[in-house]
Amino acid sequence: MRIRPYISNRDFDEIRKWITDERTHSLWCANLIRYPLEKKDFEDKLAEMAQKYGDNPYVATTDEGKSVGFFCYSVNADTNEGMLKFVMISPEYRGKGYGQEMIALAVKYAFEITKADIVQLNVFSNNTIARKCYLSAGFSERSITDNAFRFNDEIWGRCNMAIRKS
Protein backbone atom coordinates (compact mmCIF):
# COMPACT_ATOMS: atom_id res chain seq x y z
CA MET A 1 0.00 0.00 0.00
CA ARG A 2 1.05 3.56 -0.58
CA ILE A 3 -0.35 6.99 0.18
CA ARG A 4 -0.48 9.77 -2.37
CA PRO A 5 -2.12 13.19 -2.59
CA TYR A 6 -5.81 13.23 -3.55
CA ILE A 7 -6.33 14.15 -7.21
CA SER A 8 -9.85 15.47 -7.73
CA ASN A 9 -10.40 14.47 -11.36
CA ARG A 10 -8.94 11.03 -10.74
CA ASP A 11 -10.31 10.17 -7.29
CA PHE A 12 -13.64 11.85 -6.57
CA ASP A 13 -15.91 9.56 -8.59
CA GLU A 14 -14.41 6.50 -6.91
CA ILE A 15 -14.68 7.94 -3.40
CA ARG A 16 -18.28 9.00 -3.98
CA LYS A 17 -19.17 5.34 -4.63
CA TRP A 18 -17.96 4.43 -1.13
CA ILE A 19 -20.77 6.47 0.45
CA THR A 20 -23.55 3.93 0.05
CA ASP A 21 -26.24 5.59 2.21
CA GLU A 22 -26.98 8.61 4.38
CA ARG A 23 -25.97 6.90 7.64
CA THR A 24 -22.56 5.91 6.22
CA HIS A 25 -22.17 9.49 5.02
CA SER A 26 -22.94 10.85 8.51
CA LEU A 27 -20.55 8.41 10.19
CA TRP A 28 -17.85 9.55 7.77
CA CYS A 29 -18.20 13.33 7.80
CA ALA A 30 -20.68 14.24 10.57
CA ASN A 31 -22.72 15.98 7.87
CA LEU A 32 -20.03 18.62 7.40
CA ILE A 33 -20.60 17.93 3.70
CA ARG A 34 -24.11 17.65 2.26
CA TYR A 35 -25.59 14.30 1.32
CA PRO A 36 -25.53 12.98 -1.34
CA LEU A 37 -21.85 13.72 -1.88
CA GLU A 38 -21.32 16.08 -4.80
CA LYS A 39 -17.97 17.12 -6.21
CA LYS A 40 -18.37 20.89 -5.67
CA ASP A 41 -19.43 20.46 -2.02
CA PHE A 42 -16.54 18.08 -1.40
CA GLU A 43 -13.98 20.34 -3.10
CA ASP A 44 -15.32 23.39 -1.23
CA LYS A 45 -14.99 21.58 2.14
CA LEU A 46 -11.46 20.41 1.31
CA ALA A 47 -10.48 23.96 0.34
CA GLU A 48 -12.03 25.38 3.53
CA MET A 49 -10.21 22.84 5.70
CA ALA A 50 -6.93 23.54 3.91
CA GLN A 51 -7.30 27.24 4.54
CA LYS A 52 -8.47 26.96 8.18
CA TYR A 53 -6.35 24.06 9.42
CA GLY A 54 -3.77 23.28 6.75
CA ASP A 55 -5.46 19.96 5.94
CA ASN A 56 -4.23 17.97 2.99
CA PRO A 57 -6.27 15.13 1.45
CA TYR A 58 -4.68 11.76 0.69
CA VAL A 59 -5.66 8.54 -1.04
CA ALA A 60 -4.36 5.12 -0.05
CA THR A 61 -3.83 2.74 -2.96
CA THR A 62 -2.82 -0.84 -3.47
CA ASP A 63 0.61 -1.37 -4.99
CA GLU A 64 -1.23 -1.75 -8.31
CA GLY A 65 -2.77 1.72 -7.94
CA LYS A 66 -6.36 0.79 -6.94
CA SER A 67 -7.83 3.35 -4.53
CA VAL A 68 -8.75 1.76 -1.21
CA GLY A 69 -8.93 4.62 1.29
CA PHE A 70 -9.10 8.36 1.90
CA PHE A 71 -8.21 10.72 4.75
CA CYS A 72 -7.23 14.31 5.45
CA TYR A 73 -4.30 15.26 7.65
CA SER A 74 -2.98 18.41 9.26
CA VAL A 75 -0.62 19.26 12.09
CA ASN A 76 -1.20 22.02 14.61
CA ALA A 77 2.06 23.96 14.82
CA ASP A 78 1.24 25.28 18.32
CA THR A 79 0.58 21.90 19.95
CA ASN A 80 2.54 19.74 17.48
CA GLU A 81 -0.46 17.38 17.27
CA GLY A 82 -1.43 15.82 13.99
CA MET A 83 -5.11 15.34 13.19
CA LEU A 84 -6.68 12.74 10.91
CA LYS A 85 -10.11 13.56 9.49
CA PHE A 86 -12.59 12.08 7.01
CA VAL A 87 -11.02 8.63 7.27
CA MET A 88 -12.73 6.10 5.02
CA ILE A 89 -12.04 2.74 3.40
CA SER A 90 -13.74 1.46 0.27
CA PRO A 91 -16.52 -1.02 1.17
CA GLU A 92 -14.77 -3.55 -1.07
CA TYR A 93 -11.70 -3.46 1.20
CA ARG A 94 -13.29 -3.12 4.66
CA GLY A 95 -12.56 -5.82 7.20
CA LYS A 96 -9.42 -6.98 5.36
CA GLY A 97 -6.72 -5.00 7.17
CA TYR A 98 -6.50 -2.16 4.65
CA GLY A 99 -7.82 0.42 7.13
CA GLN A 100 -5.26 -0.51 9.75
CA GLU A 101 -2.49 -0.44 7.12
CA MET A 102 -3.60 2.97 5.84
CA ILE A 103 -3.74 4.38 9.37
CA ALA A 104 -0.27 2.98 10.11
CA LEU A 105 1.13 4.70 7.01
CA ALA A 106 -0.63 7.96 7.90
CA VAL A 107 0.80 7.83 11.44
CA LYS A 108 4.27 7.03 10.10
CA TYR A 109 4.00 10.07 7.79
CA ALA A 110 2.84 12.23 10.71
CA PHE A 111 5.70 11.21 12.98
CA GLU A 112 8.52 10.99 10.44
CA ILE A 113 7.67 13.74 7.95
CA THR A 114 5.65 16.33 9.88
CA LYS A 115 7.41 15.48 13.17
CA ALA A 116 4.13 15.45 15.14
CA ASP A 117 4.37 14.26 18.76
CA ILE A 118 0.80 12.93 18.85
CA VAL A 119 -1.75 12.03 16.16
CA GLN A 120 -5.41 12.25 17.05
CA LEU A 121 -8.76 11.63 15.42
CA ASN A 122 -12.43 11.66 16.34
CA VAL A 123 -14.78 8.77 15.71
CA PHE A 124 -18.39 8.28 16.69
CA SER A 125 -18.69 5.96 19.68
CA ASN A 126 -21.19 3.73 17.87
CA ASN A 127 -18.76 3.16 14.97
CA THR A 128 -17.34 0.07 16.66
CA ILE A 129 -15.60 -1.28 13.55
CA ALA A 130 -13.64 1.95 13.05
CA ARG A 131 -12.80 2.20 16.75
CA LYS A 132 -11.50 -1.37 16.72
CA CYS A 133 -9.36 -0.54 13.67
CA TYR A 134 -7.85 2.50 15.41
CA LEU A 135 -7.19 0.53 18.60
CA SER A 136 -5.47 -2.17 16.50
CA ALA A 137 -3.34 0.53 14.90
CA GLY A 138 -2.12 1.65 18.34
CA PHE A 139 -4.53 4.47 19.18
CA SER A 140 -6.05 4.78 22.64
CA GLU A 141 -9.19 6.57 23.74
CA ARG A 142 -8.54 9.97 25.32
CA SER A 143 -12.08 11.20 25.87
CA ILE A 144 -15.71 10.54 25.02
CA THR A 145 -18.26 13.29 24.50
CA ASP A 146 -21.78 11.97 24.99
CA ASN A 147 -24.63 13.31 22.84
CA ALA A 148 -22.26 14.93 20.34
CA PHE A 149 -24.26 14.31 17.17
CA ARG A 150 -27.82 13.56 16.14
CA PHE A 151 -28.64 11.34 13.18
CA ASN A 152 -32.39 10.99 12.65
CA ASP A 153 -33.66 9.55 15.95
CA GLU A 154 -30.20 8.42 17.13
CA ILE A 155 -27.80 10.36 19.34
CA TRP A 156 -24.13 9.49 18.92
CA GLY A 157 -21.21 10.09 21.22
CA ARG A 158 -17.83 11.20 19.91
CA CYS A 159 -14.62 9.48 20.93
CA ASN A 160 -11.28 11.26 20.66
CA MET A 161 -8.43 8.81 20.12
CA ALA A 162 -4.70 9.44 19.97
CA ILE A 163 -1.36 7.77 19.46
CA ARG A 164 1.92 9.14 20.81
CA LYS A 165 5.26 8.95 19.09
CA SER A 166 7.24 6.26 20.86
C-alpha atoms as a PDB file:
ATOM      1  CA  MET A   1       0.000   0.000   0.000  1.00  0.00           C
ATOM      2  CA  ARG A   2       1.055   3.557  -0.583  1.00  0.00           C
ATOM      3  CA  ILE A   3      -0.352   6.994   0.183  1.00  0.00           C
ATOM      4  CA  ARG A   4      -0.476   9.768  -2.368  1.00  0.00           C
ATOM      5  CA  PRO A   5      -2.122  13.186  -2.591  1.00  0.00           C
ATOM      6  CA  TYR A   6      -5.806  13.226  -3.548  1.00  0.00           C
ATOM      7  CA  ILE A   7      -6.331  14.147  -7.212  1.00  0.00           C
ATOM      8  CA  SER A   8      -9.845  15.466  -7.726  1.00  0.00           C
ATOM      9  CA  ASN A   9     -10.397  14.469 -11.357  1.00  0.00           C
ATOM     10  CA  ARG A  10      -8.942  11.027 -10.737  1.00  0.00           C
ATOM     11  CA  ASP A  11     -10.311  10.170  -7.286  1.00  0.00           C
ATOM     12  CA  PHE A  12     -13.644  11.854  -6.573  1.00  0.00           C
ATOM     13  CA  ASP A  13     -15.907   9.557  -8.592  1.00  0.00           C
ATOM     14  CA  GLU A  14     -14.415   6.496  -6.910  1.00  0.00           C
ATOM     15  CA  ILE A  15     -14.675   7.943  -3.398  1.00  0.00           C
ATOM     16  CA  ARG A  16     -18.276   9.004  -3.975  1.00  0.00           C
ATOM     17  CA  LYS A  17     -19.172   5.340  -4.630  1.00  0.00           C
ATOM     18  CA  TRP A  18     -17.962   4.430  -1.132  1.00  0.00           C
ATOM     19  CA  ILE A  19     -20.769   6.472   0.446  1.00  0.00           C
ATOM     20  CA  THR A  20     -23.546   3.931   0.051  1.00  0.00           C
ATOM     21  CA  ASP A  21     -26.235   5.586   2.208  1.00  0.00           C
ATOM     22  CA  GLU A  22     -26.984   8.605   4.379  1.00  0.00           C
ATOM     23  CA  ARG A  23     -25.973   6.900   7.635  1.00  0.00           C
ATOM     24  CA  THR A  24     -22.560   5.911   6.217  1.00  0.00           C
ATOM     25  CA  HIS A  25     -22.174   9.489   5.024  1.00  0.00           C
ATOM     26  CA  SER A  26     -22.942  10.852   8.511  1.00  0.00           C
ATOM     27  CA  LEU A  27     -20.551   8.414  10.186  1.00  0.00           C
ATOM     28  CA  TRP A  28     -17.849   9.550   7.774  1.00  0.00           C
ATOM     29  CA  CYS A  29     -18.201  13.334   7.801  1.00  0.00           C
ATOM     30  CA  ALA A  30     -20.677  14.238  10.573  1.00  0.00           C
ATOM     31  CA  ASN A  31     -22.718  15.982   7.870  1.00  0.00           C
ATOM     32  CA  LEU A  32     -20.029  18.624   7.397  1.00  0.00           C
ATOM     33  CA  ILE A  33     -20.605  17.932   3.704  1.00  0.00           C
ATOM     34  CA  ARG A  34     -24.111  17.646   2.259  1.00  0.00           C
ATOM     35  CA  TYR A  35     -25.591  14.298   1.320  1.00  0.00           C
ATOM     36  CA  PRO A  36     -25.526  12.979  -1.344  1.00  0.00           C
ATOM     37  CA  LEU A  37     -21.848  13.717  -1.879  1.00  0.00           C
ATOM     38  CA  GLU A  38     -21.320  16.080  -4.798  1.00  0.00           C
ATOM     39  CA  LYS A  39     -17.970  17.124  -6.208  1.00  0.00           C
ATOM     40  CA  LYS A  40     -18.374  20.891  -5.672  1.00  0.00           C
ATOM     41  CA  ASP A  41     -19.430  20.465  -2.023  1.00  0.00           C
ATOM     42  CA  PHE A  42     -16.535  18.079  -1.400  1.00  0.00           C
ATOM     43  CA  GLU A  43     -13.977  20.344  -3.099  1.00  0.00           C
ATOM     44  CA  ASP A  44     -15.318  23.390  -1.228  1.00  0.00           C
ATOM     45  CA  LYS A  45     -14.989  21.584   2.137  1.00  0.00           C
ATOM     46  CA  LEU A  46     -11.457  20.410   1.306  1.00  0.00           C
ATOM     47  CA  ALA A  47     -10.478  23.965   0.340  1.00  0.00           C
ATOM     48  CA  GLU A  48     -12.033  25.382   3.527  1.00  0.00           C
ATOM     49  CA  MET A  49     -10.207  22.837   5.702  1.00  0.00           C
ATOM     50  CA  ALA A  50      -6.931  23.535   3.909  1.00  0.00           C
ATOM     51  CA  GLN A  51      -7.297  27.243   4.541  1.00  0.00           C
ATOM     52  CA  LYS A  52      -8.473  26.961   8.178  1.00  0.00           C
ATOM     53  CA  TYR A  53      -6.352  24.064   9.416  1.00  0.00           C
ATOM     54  CA  GLY A  54      -3.771  23.276   6.747  1.00  0.00           C
ATOM     55  CA  ASP A  55      -5.464  19.960   5.941  1.00  0.00           C
ATOM     56  CA  ASN A  56      -4.226  17.967   2.986  1.00  0.00           C
ATOM     57  CA  PRO A  57      -6.273  15.130   1.455  1.00  0.00           C
ATOM     58  CA  TYR A  58      -4.684  11.755   0.694  1.00  0.00           C
ATOM     59  CA  VAL A  59      -5.662   8.543  -1.037  1.00  0.00           C
ATOM     60  CA  ALA A  60      -4.356   5.119  -0.053  1.00  0.00           C
ATOM     61  CA  THR A  61      -3.829   2.737  -2.960  1.00  0.00           C
ATOM     62  CA  THR A  62      -2.819  -0.836  -3.466  1.00  0.00           C
ATOM     63  CA  ASP A  63       0.607  -1.370  -4.991  1.00  0.00           C
ATOM     64  CA  GLU A  64      -1.231  -1.747  -8.306  1.00  0.00           C
ATOM     65  CA  GLY A  65      -2.774   1.723  -7.945  1.00  0.00           C
ATOM     66  CA  LYS A  66      -6.361   0.786  -6.941  1.00  0.00           C
ATOM     67  CA  SER A  67      -7.826   3.350  -4.529  1.00  0.00           C
ATOM     68  CA  VAL A  68      -8.747   1.755  -1.206  1.00  0.00           C
ATOM     69  CA  GLY A  69      -8.928   4.623   1.287  1.00  0.00           C
ATOM     70  CA  PHE A  70      -9.099   8.358   1.899  1.00  0.00           C
ATOM     71  CA  PHE A  71      -8.208  10.717   4.751  1.00  0.00           C
ATOM     72  CA  CYS A  72      -7.228  14.309   5.454  1.00  0.00           C
ATOM     73  CA  TYR A  73      -4.298  15.259   7.654  1.00  0.00           C
ATOM     74  CA  SER A  74      -2.979  18.407   9.263  1.00  0.00           C
ATOM     75  CA  VAL A  75      -0.616  19.258  12.089  1.00  0.00           C
ATOM     76  CA  ASN A  76      -1.204  22.016  14.613  1.00  0.00           C
ATOM     77  CA  ALA A  77       2.062  23.957  14.819  1.00  0.00           C
ATOM     78  CA  ASP A  78       1.242  25.279  18.320  1.00  0.00           C
ATOM     79  CA  THR A  79       0.580  21.897  19.946  1.00  0.00           C
ATOM     80  CA  ASN A  80       2.537  19.735  17.484  1.00  0.00           C
ATOM     81  CA  GLU A  81      -0.455  17.383  17.271  1.00  0.00           C
ATOM     82  CA  GLY A  82      -1.430  15.817  13.986  1.00  0.00           C
ATOM     83  CA  MET A  83      -5.115  15.336  13.186  1.00  0.00           C
ATOM     84  CA  LEU A  84      -6.677  12.741  10.911  1.00  0.00           C
ATOM     85  CA  LYS A  85     -10.114  13.561   9.489  1.00  0.00           C
ATOM     86  CA  PHE A  86     -12.591  12.078   7.014  1.00  0.00           C
ATOM     87  CA  VAL A  87     -11.021   8.629   7.274  1.00  0.00           C
ATOM     88  CA  MET A  88     -12.734   6.098   5.016  1.00  0.00           C
ATOM     89  CA  ILE A  89     -12.037   2.735   3.399  1.00  0.00           C
ATOM     90  CA  SER A  90     -13.740   1.460   0.265  1.00  0.00           C
ATOM     91  CA  PRO A  91     -16.518  -1.017   1.169  1.00  0.00           C
ATOM     92  CA  GLU A  92     -14.769  -3.553  -1.072  1.00  0.00           C
ATOM     93  CA  TYR A  93     -11.698  -3.460   1.196  1.00  0.00           C
ATOM     94  CA  ARG A  94     -13.287  -3.123   4.657  1.00  0.00           C
ATOM     95  CA  GLY A  95     -12.562  -5.819   7.199  1.00  0.00           C
ATOM     96  CA  LYS A  96      -9.425  -6.979   5.358  1.00  0.00           C
ATOM     97  CA  GLY A  97      -6.721  -5.001   7.165  1.00  0.00           C
ATOM     98  CA  TYR A  98      -6.501  -2.155   4.652  1.00  0.00           C
ATOM     99  CA  GLY A  99      -7.820   0.417   7.133  1.00  0.00           C
ATOM    100  CA  GLN A 100      -5.258  -0.508   9.747  1.00  0.00           C
ATOM    101  CA  GLU A 101      -2.488  -0.440   7.125  1.00  0.00           C
ATOM    102  CA  MET A 102      -3.602   2.967   5.836  1.00  0.00           C
ATOM    103  CA  ILE A 103      -3.741   4.378   9.369  1.00  0.00           C
ATOM    104  CA  ALA A 104      -0.273   2.977  10.114  1.00  0.00           C
ATOM    105  CA  LEU A 105       1.128   4.705   7.010  1.00  0.00           C
ATOM    106  CA  ALA A 106      -0.632   7.963   7.903  1.00  0.00           C
ATOM    107  CA  VAL A 107       0.799   7.829  11.441  1.00  0.00           C
ATOM    108  CA  LYS A 108       4.268   7.035  10.104  1.00  0.00           C
ATOM    109  CA  TYR A 109       3.998  10.070   7.789  1.00  0.00           C
ATOM    110  CA  ALA A 110       2.836  12.226  10.707  1.00  0.00           C
ATOM    111  CA  PHE A 111       5.695  11.206  12.980  1.00  0.00           C
ATOM    112  CA  GLU A 112       8.515  10.986  10.440  1.00  0.00           C
ATOM    113  CA  ILE A 113       7.672  13.737   7.954  1.00  0.00           C
ATOM    114  CA  THR A 114       5.652  16.325   9.882  1.00  0.00           C
ATOM    115  CA  LYS A 115       7.405  15.475  13.170  1.00  0.00           C
ATOM    116  CA  ALA A 116       4.134  15.450  15.139  1.00  0.00           C
ATOM    117  CA  ASP A 117       4.373  14.257  18.755  1.00  0.00           C
ATOM    118  CA  ILE A 118       0.796  12.931  18.846  1.00  0.00           C
ATOM    119  CA  VAL A 119      -1.746  12.034  16.161  1.00  0.00           C
ATOM    120  CA  GLN A 120      -5.405  12.246  17.050  1.00  0.00           C
ATOM    121  CA  LEU A 121      -8.763  11.632  15.421  1.00  0.00           C
ATOM    122  CA  ASN A 122     -12.430  11.659  16.339  1.00  0.00           C
ATOM    123  CA  VAL A 123     -14.777   8.770  15.710  1.00  0.00           C
ATOM    124  CA  PHE A 124     -18.386   8.278  16.692  1.00  0.00           C
ATOM    125  CA  SER A 125     -18.686   5.956  19.685  1.00  0.00           C
ATOM    126  CA  ASN A 126     -21.191   3.727  17.873  1.00  0.00           C
ATOM    127  CA  ASN A 127     -18.763   3.160  14.971  1.00  0.00           C
ATOM    128  CA  THR A 128     -17.341   0.070  16.659  1.00  0.00           C
ATOM    129  CA  ILE A 129     -15.598  -1.283  13.554  1.00  0.00           C
ATOM    130  CA  ALA A 130     -13.639   1.950  13.047  1.00  0.00           C
ATOM    131  CA  ARG A 131     -12.803   2.195  16.754  1.00  0.00           C
ATOM    132  CA  LYS A 132     -11.501  -1.373  16.716  1.00  0.00           C
ATOM    133  CA  CYS A 133      -9.357  -0.536  13.668  1.00  0.00           C
ATOM    134  CA  TYR A 134      -7.845   2.498  15.412  1.00  0.00           C
ATOM    135  CA  LEU A 135      -7.189   0.527  18.601  1.00  0.00           C
ATOM    136  CA  SER A 136      -5.468  -2.172  16.505  1.00  0.00           C
ATOM    137  CA  ALA A 137      -3.337   0.534  14.898  1.00  0.00           C
ATOM    138  CA  GLY A 138      -2.115   1.646  18.343  1.00  0.00           C
ATOM    139  CA  PHE A 139      -4.532   4.472  19.184  1.00  0.00           C
ATOM    140  CA  SER A 140      -6.050   4.779  22.639  1.00  0.00           C
ATOM    141  CA  GLU A 141      -9.193   6.572  23.741  1.00  0.00           C
ATOM    142  CA  ARG A 142      -8.543   9.969  25.319  1.00  0.00           C
ATOM    143  CA  SER A 143     -12.081  11.203  25.874  1.00  0.00           C
ATOM    144  CA  ILE A 144     -15.706  10.545  25.019  1.00  0.00           C
ATOM    145  CA  THR A 145     -18.259  13.288  24.498  1.00  0.00           C
ATOM    146  CA  ASP A 146     -21.782  11.967  24.986  1.00  0.00           C
ATOM    147  CA  ASN A 147     -24.625  13.307  22.844  1.00  0.00           C
ATOM    148  CA  ALA A 148     -22.260  14.926  20.337  1.00  0.00           C
ATOM    149  CA  PHE A 149     -24.259  14.306  17.166  1.00  0.00           C
ATOM    150  CA  ARG A 150     -27.817  13.565  16.137  1.00  0.00           C
ATOM    151  CA  PHE A 151     -28.639  11.343  13.184  1.00  0.00           C
ATOM    152  CA  ASN A 152     -32.386  10.994  12.648  1.00  0.00           C
ATOM    153  CA  ASP A 153     -33.655   9.546  15.948  1.00  0.00           C
ATOM    154  CA  GLU A 154     -30.200   8.417  17.131  1.00  0.00           C
ATOM    155  CA  ILE A 155     -27.797  10.359  19.335  1.00  0.00           C
ATOM    156  CA  TRP A 156     -24.131   9.488  18.916  1.00  0.00           C
ATOM    157  CA  GLY A 157     -21.207  10.094  21.224  1.00  0.00           C
ATOM    158  CA  ARG A 158     -17.826  11.200  19.907  1.00  0.00           C
ATOM    159  CA  CYS A 159     -14.615   9.482  20.931  1.00  0.00           C
ATOM    160  CA  ASN A 160     -11.275  11.263  20.664  1.00  0.00           C
ATOM    161  CA  MET A 161      -8.430   8.807  20.116  1.00  0.00           C
ATOM    162  CA  ALA A 162      -4.705   9.439  19.965  1.00  0.00           C
ATOM    163  CA  ILE A 163      -1.364   7.770  19.458  1.00  0.00           C
ATOM    164  CA  ARG A 164       1.919   9.144  20.806  1.00  0.00           C
ATOM    165  CA  LYS A 165       5.264   8.952  19.087  1.00  0.00           C
ATOM    166  CA  SER A 166       7.242   6.260  20.859  1.00  0.00           C
END
